[in-house]
Amino acid sequence: MRRRPCMMPMNTMPANTMVYPTKCNEVNTCSESVVNHIHPSHTTCVNHHLVKNVHYYPHTTSNQYTVDQINVNGGPVPPMFNQMGMNQGNFPR
């Protein structure tokens, strides 16, 4: 048997072609990062000190006694002393 060469027919129309919509594929990758969040705070310790000033007023009391004297010239002896029997000799000098 003789083999025939494989040839296309001369009047053959091209085959119908169907084009489908593009299929979208998605590849997901994950990564992780660290974000430092700084929340500063400050504490002030206030130490209070009260100075209590106590005032004292010491007071003393003293007494003084004074004696005053005056010398009065009485002049002549009053008349009533002569009537009582007194004379000038009985008066202190």
Protein backbone atom coordinates (compact mmCIF):
# COMPACT_ATOMS: atom_id res chain seq x y z
CA MET A 1 0.00 0.00 0.00
CA ARG A 2 1.12 3.25 -0.84
CA ARG A 3 1.00 6.10 1.63
CA ARG A 4 -0.53 9.34 0.72
CA PRO A 5 0.98 12.57 1.88
CA CYS A 6 -1.13 14.41 4.45
CA MET A 7 -2.30 17.58 2.84
CA MET A 8 -5.02 19.99 3.61
CA PRO A 9 -7.82 20.30 1.29
CA MET A 10 -7.44 23.28 -0.90
CA ASN A 11 -10.83 24.86 -0.43
CA THR A 12 -11.13 24.42 3.35
CA MET A 13 -12.35 27.39 5.39
CA PRO A 14 -10.48 28.29 8.57
CA ALA A 15 -11.97 26.77 11.69
CA ASN A 16 -14.20 28.89 13.85
CA THR A 17 -12.35 30.47 16.81
CA MET A 18 -13.96 31.19 20.11
CA VAL A 19 -12.27 33.82 22.33
CA TYR A 20 -13.39 33.80 25.92
CA PRO A 21 -13.16 36.73 28.31
CA THR A 22 -9.89 37.00 30.14
CA LYS A 23 -9.96 35.14 33.36
CA CYS A 24 -8.43 37.29 36.09
CA ASN A 25 -6.51 35.44 38.68
CA GLU A 26 -5.41 37.04 41.90
CA VAL A 27 -2.48 36.08 44.02
CA ASN A 28 -2.54 37.53 47.53
CA THR A 29 0.56 38.00 49.62
CA CYS A 30 0.61 39.17 53.22
CA SER A 31 3.26 41.06 55.06
CA GLU A 32 3.44 42.38 58.60
CA SER A 33 5.06 45.45 60.03
CA VAL A 34 5.36 46.76 63.58
CA VAL A 35 4.38 50.37 64.28
CA ASN A 36 5.48 51.67 67.66
CA HIS A 37 2.95 53.99 69.26
CA ILE A 38 4.60 56.07 71.99
CA HIS A 39 2.33 57.56 74.66
CA PRO A 40 4.60 59.59 76.95
CA SER A 41 3.46 60.51 80.42
CA HIS A 42 4.98 62.48 83.26
CA THR A 43 4.31 62.46 86.98
CA THR A 44 5.31 65.42 89.12
CA CYS A 45 5.56 64.70 92.83
CA VAL A 46 4.81 67.90 94.73
CA ASN A 47 5.98 67.82 98.33
CA HIS A 48 4.19 70.35 100.51
CA HIS A 49 5.66 71.69 103.72
CA LEU A 50 3.74 73.93 106.09
CA VAL A 51 5.66 76.23 108.39
CA LYS A 52 3.45 76.97 111.37
CA ASN A 53 4.57 80.20 112.99
CA VAL A 54 3.41 80.32 116.59
CA HIS A 55 3.68 83.78 118.11
CA TYR A 56 4.03 84.25 121.85
CA TYR A 57 3.73 87.54 123.65
CA PRO A 58 5.16 87.12 127.12
CA HIS A 59 4.06 89.94 129.36
CA THR A 60 5.00 90.83 132.86
CA THR A 61 3.35 93.21 135.29
CA SER A 62 5.14 95.20 137.90
CA ASN A 63 3.84 97.46 140.63
CA GLN A 64 5.41 100.64 141.79
CA TYR A 65 4.41 102.58 144.79
CA THR A 66 5.24 106.22 145.03
CA VAL A 67 5.00 108.53 147.97
CA ASP A 68 4.73 112.19 147.34
CA GLN A 69 5.04 114.87 149.97
CA ILE A 70 4.69 118.55 149.99
CA ASN A 71 5.66 121.10 152.57
CA VAL A 72 3.14 123.82 153.18
CA ASN A 73 3.85 126.86 155.31
CA GLY A 74 0.91 127.06 157.68
CA GLY A 75 1.60 130.57 158.88
CA PRO A 76 0.62 131.58 162.43
CA VAL A 77 -1.07 129.00 164.66
CA PRO A 78 -4.81 128.88 164.07
CA PRO A 79 -6.91 130.35 166.87
CA MET A 80 -8.63 127.09 167.76
CA PHE A 81 -5.38 125.43 168.87
CA ASN A 82 -4.87 128.17 171.43
CA GLN A 83 -8.29 127.52 172.85
CA MET A 84 -7.58 123.80 173.35
CA GLY A 85 -4.71 124.56 175.59
CA MET A 86 -2.02 124.01 173.04
CA ASN A 87 0.69 126.41 172.44
CA GLN A 88 3.43 126.65 169.90
CA GLY A 89 5.74 124.54 171.99
CA ASN A 90 3.69 121.37 171.41
CA PHE A 91 4.16 121.35 167.58
CA PRO A 92 7.02 119.46 166.09
CA ARG A 93 9.57 121.56 164.37
